[in-house]
């Protein structure tokens, strides 16, 4: 097993952890592009303030793209950036490990 010479696991985890970021990312992976109201509906227990903060953070990290359309009322769409899409295999691997771990804990 190779030794890790520089540990940036914390950097990666900081970006995708939190109560809502994985759910936001999953929604955008599954639906490609969502409006703010659609994201809010898909996460009924999240407050508007927290959703806005999480989306801003993901946008600042170049994980999602926010598009504002000059309409009345204003329309805002969110989607994964090409860079954000590189997280998909990471999240799939983490999900697979989580399934295995949950099964292991059930067998105890």
C-alpha atoms as a PDB file:
ATOM      1  CA  UNK A   1       0.000   0.000   0.000  1.00  0.00           C
ATOM      2  CA  UNK A   2       1.509   3.350  -0.991  1.00  0.00           C
ATOM      3  CA  UNK A   3       2.312   5.895   1.663  1.00  0.00           C
ATOM      4  CA  UNK A   4       0.570   9.233   1.394  1.00  0.00           C
ATOM      5  CA  UNK A   5       3.249  11.897   1.301  1.00  0.00           C
ATOM      6  CA  UNK A   6       0.936  14.873   1.576  1.00  0.00           C
ATOM      7  CA  UNK A   7      -2.427  14.618   3.281  1.00  0.00           C
ATOM      8  CA  UNK A   8      -5.057  16.757   1.626  1.00  0.00           C
ATOM      9  CA  UNK A   9      -7.907  14.526   2.769  1.00  0.00           C
ATOM     10  CA  UNK A  10      -9.000  17.253   5.191  1.00  0.00           C
ATOM     11  CA  UNK A  11      -9.111  19.747   2.315  1.00  0.00           C
ATOM     12  CA  UNK A  12     -11.330  17.444   0.278  1.00  0.00           C
ATOM     13  CA  UNK A  13     -13.579  16.539   3.198  1.00  0.00           C
ATOM     14  CA  UNK A  14     -13.995  20.171   4.223  1.00  0.00           C
ATOM     15  CA  UNK A  15     -15.368  20.906   0.769  1.00  0.00           C
ATOM     16  CA  UNK A  16     -17.990  18.145   0.685  1.00  0.00           C
ATOM     17  CA  UNK A  17     -18.912  17.598   4.319  1.00  0.00           C
ATOM     18  CA  UNK A  18     -21.587  19.218   6.360  1.00  0.00           C
ATOM     19  CA  UNK A  19     -25.177  18.378   6.916  1.00  0.00           C
ATOM     20  CA  UNK A  20     -26.393  19.584   3.512  1.00  0.00           C
ATOM     21  CA  UNK A  21     -23.575  19.671   0.940  1.00  0.00           C
ATOM     22  CA  UNK A  22     -23.742  15.962   0.059  1.00  0.00           C
ATOM     23  CA  UNK A  23     -27.516  16.236  -0.436  1.00  0.00           C
ATOM     24  CA  UNK A  24     -27.150  19.359  -2.583  1.00  0.00           C
ATOM     25  CA  UNK A  25     -24.481  17.676  -4.692  1.00  0.00           C
ATOM     26  CA  UNK A  26     -26.590  14.524  -5.061  1.00  0.00           C
ATOM     27  CA  UNK A  27     -29.580  16.580  -6.199  1.00  0.00           C
ATOM     28  CA  UNK A  28     -27.458  18.345  -8.826  1.00  0.00           C
ATOM     29  CA  UNK A  29     -25.872  15.079  -9.961  1.00  0.00           C
ATOM     30  CA  UNK A  30     -29.299  13.497 -10.421  1.00  0.00           C
ATOM     31  CA  UNK A  31     -31.077  16.464 -11.991  1.00  0.00           C
ATOM     32  CA  UNK A  32     -28.251  18.274 -13.833  1.00  0.00           C
ATOM     33  CA  UNK A  33     -29.724  21.784 -13.416  1.00  0.00           C
ATOM     34  CA  UNK A  34     -32.064  22.959 -10.683  1.00  0.00           C
ATOM     35  CA  UNK A  35     -33.624  26.247  -9.738  1.00  0.00           C
ATOM     36  CA  UNK A  36     -33.277  27.467  -6.168  1.00  0.00           C
ATOM     37  CA  UNK A  37     -36.911  26.620  -5.423  1.00  0.00           C
ATOM     38  CA  UNK A  38     -36.462  23.088  -6.801  1.00  0.00           C
ATOM     39  CA  UNK A  39     -33.415  22.551  -4.604  1.00  0.00           C
ATOM     40  CA  UNK A  40     -35.341  23.854  -1.603  1.00  0.00           C
ATOM     41  CA  UNK A  41     -38.224  21.484  -2.361  1.00  0.00           C
ATOM     42  CA  UNK A  42     -35.858  18.518  -2.695  1.00  0.00           C
ATOM     43  CA  UNK A  43     -34.396  19.336   0.752  1.00  0.00           C
ATOM     44  CA  UNK A  44     -37.504  20.228   2.776  1.00  0.00           C
ATOM     45  CA  UNK A  45     -35.719  20.455   6.150  1.00  0.00           C
ATOM     46  CA  UNK A  46     -33.085  22.968   5.063  1.00  0.00           C
ATOM     47  CA  UNK A  47     -33.647  26.644   5.761  1.00  0.00           C
ATOM     48  CA  UNK A  48     -33.398  29.160   2.939  1.00  0.00           C
ATOM     49  CA  UNK A  49     -30.497  30.861   4.746  1.00  0.00           C
ATOM     50  CA  UNK A  50     -28.472  27.648   5.045  1.00  0.00           C
ATOM     51  CA  UNK A  51     -29.211  26.581   1.459  1.00  0.00           C
ATOM     52  CA  UNK A  52     -28.057  29.981   0.216  1.00  0.00           C
ATOM     53  CA  UNK A  53     -24.857  29.790   2.300  1.00  0.00           C
ATOM     54  CA  UNK A  54     -24.056  26.233   1.158  1.00  0.00           C
ATOM     55  CA  UNK A  55     -24.660  27.130  -2.499  1.00  0.00           C
ATOM     56  CA  UNK A  56     -22.433  30.213  -2.192  1.00  0.00           C
ATOM     57  CA  UNK A  57     -19.670  28.117  -0.651  1.00  0.00           C
ATOM     58  CA  UNK A  58     -19.882  25.502  -3.407  1.00  0.00           C
ATOM     59  CA  UNK A  59     -19.881  28.278  -6.018  1.00  0.00           C
ATOM     60  CA  UNK A  60     -16.797  29.926  -4.452  1.00  0.00           C
ATOM     61  CA  UNK A  61     -15.023  26.557  -4.636  1.00  0.00           C
ATOM     62  CA  UNK A  62     -15.876  26.243  -8.371  1.00  0.00           C
ATOM     63  CA  UNK A  63     -17.974  23.130  -7.697  1.00  0.00           C
ATOM     64  CA  UNK A  64     -21.251  24.580  -8.964  1.00  0.00           C
ATOM     65  CA  UNK A  65     -22.223  27.260 -11.451  1.00  0.00           C
ATOM     66  CA  UNK A  66     -24.922  29.787 -10.634  1.00  0.00           C
ATOM     67  CA  UNK A  67     -26.692  31.322 -13.617  1.00  0.00           C
ATOM     68  CA  UNK A  68     -28.945  34.342 -13.152  1.00  0.00           C
ATOM     69  CA  UNK A  69     -31.415  35.084 -15.934  1.00  0.00           C
ATOM     70  CA  UNK A  70     -32.526  38.715 -16.389  1.00  0.00           C
ATOM     71  CA  UNK A  71     -36.232  37.993 -16.080  1.00  0.00           C
ATOM     72  CA  UNK A  72     -39.039  39.196 -13.884  1.00  0.00           C
ATOM     73  CA  UNK A  73     -39.275  37.471 -11.504  1.00  0.00           C
ATOM     74  CA  UNK A  74     -35.560  36.618 -11.516  1.00  0.00           C
ATOM     75  CA  UNK A  75     -34.661  33.015 -12.285  1.00  0.00           C
ATOM     76  CA  UNK A  76     -31.515  31.409 -10.897  1.00  0.00           C
ATOM     77  CA  UNK A  77     -30.257  27.975 -11.930  1.00  0.00           C
ATOM     78  CA  UNK A  78     -27.550  25.855 -10.323  1.00  0.00           C
ATOM     79  CA  UNK A  79     -25.561  23.052 -11.913  1.00  0.00           C
ATOM     80  CA  UNK A  80     -22.309  21.218 -11.359  1.00  0.00           C
ATOM     81  CA  UNK A  81     -19.317  22.760 -13.081  1.00  0.00           C
ATOM     82  CA  UNK A  82     -17.067  20.524 -15.158  1.00  0.00           C
ATOM     83  CA  UNK A  83     -14.673  20.645 -12.228  1.00  0.00           C
ATOM     84  CA  UNK A  84     -17.515  19.765  -9.845  1.00  0.00           C
ATOM     85  CA  UNK A  85     -18.324  16.709 -11.957  1.00  0.00           C
ATOM     86  CA  UNK A  86     -14.882  15.332 -11.023  1.00  0.00           C
ATOM     87  CA  UNK A  87     -16.375  14.771  -7.546  1.00  0.00           C
ATOM     88  CA  UNK A  88     -18.881  12.218  -8.865  1.00  0.00           C
ATOM     89  CA  UNK A  89     -16.514   9.198  -8.740  1.00  0.00           C
ATOM     90  CA  UNK A  90     -15.292  10.299  -5.296  1.00  0.00           C
ATOM     91  CA  UNK A  91     -18.855  10.486  -3.979  1.00  0.00           C
ATOM     92  CA  UNK A  92     -19.746   7.159  -5.635  1.00  0.00           C
ATOM     93  CA  UNK A  93     -16.750   5.501  -3.957  1.00  0.00           C
ATOM     94  CA  UNK A  94     -17.623   7.035  -0.593  1.00  0.00           C
ATOM     95  CA  UNK A  95     -21.229   5.874  -0.989  1.00  0.00           C
ATOM     96  CA  UNK A  96     -20.139   2.315  -1.821  1.00  0.00           C
ATOM     97  CA  UNK A  97     -17.854   2.274   1.216  1.00  0.00           C
ATOM     98  CA  UNK A  98     -20.681   3.652   3.368  1.00  0.00           C
ATOM     99  CA  UNK A  99     -22.981   0.836   2.225  1.00  0.00           C
ATOM    100  CA  UNK A 100     -20.322  -1.765   3.070  1.00  0.00           C
ATOM    101  CA  UNK A 101     -19.646  -0.171   6.437  1.00  0.00           C
ATOM    102  CA  UNK A 102     -23.356   0.001   7.341  1.00  0.00           C
ATOM    103  CA  UNK A 103     -23.718  -3.681   6.439  1.00  0.00           C
ATOM    104  CA  UNK A 104     -20.668  -4.557   8.549  1.00  0.00           C
ATOM    105  CA  UNK A 105     -22.100  -2.693  11.536  1.00  0.00           C
ATOM    106  CA  UNK A 106     -25.473  -4.470  11.126  1.00  0.00           C
ATOM    107  CA  UNK A 107     -23.684  -7.836  11.281  1.00  0.00           C
ATOM    108  CA  UNK A 108     -22.017  -7.062  14.617  1.00  0.00           C
END
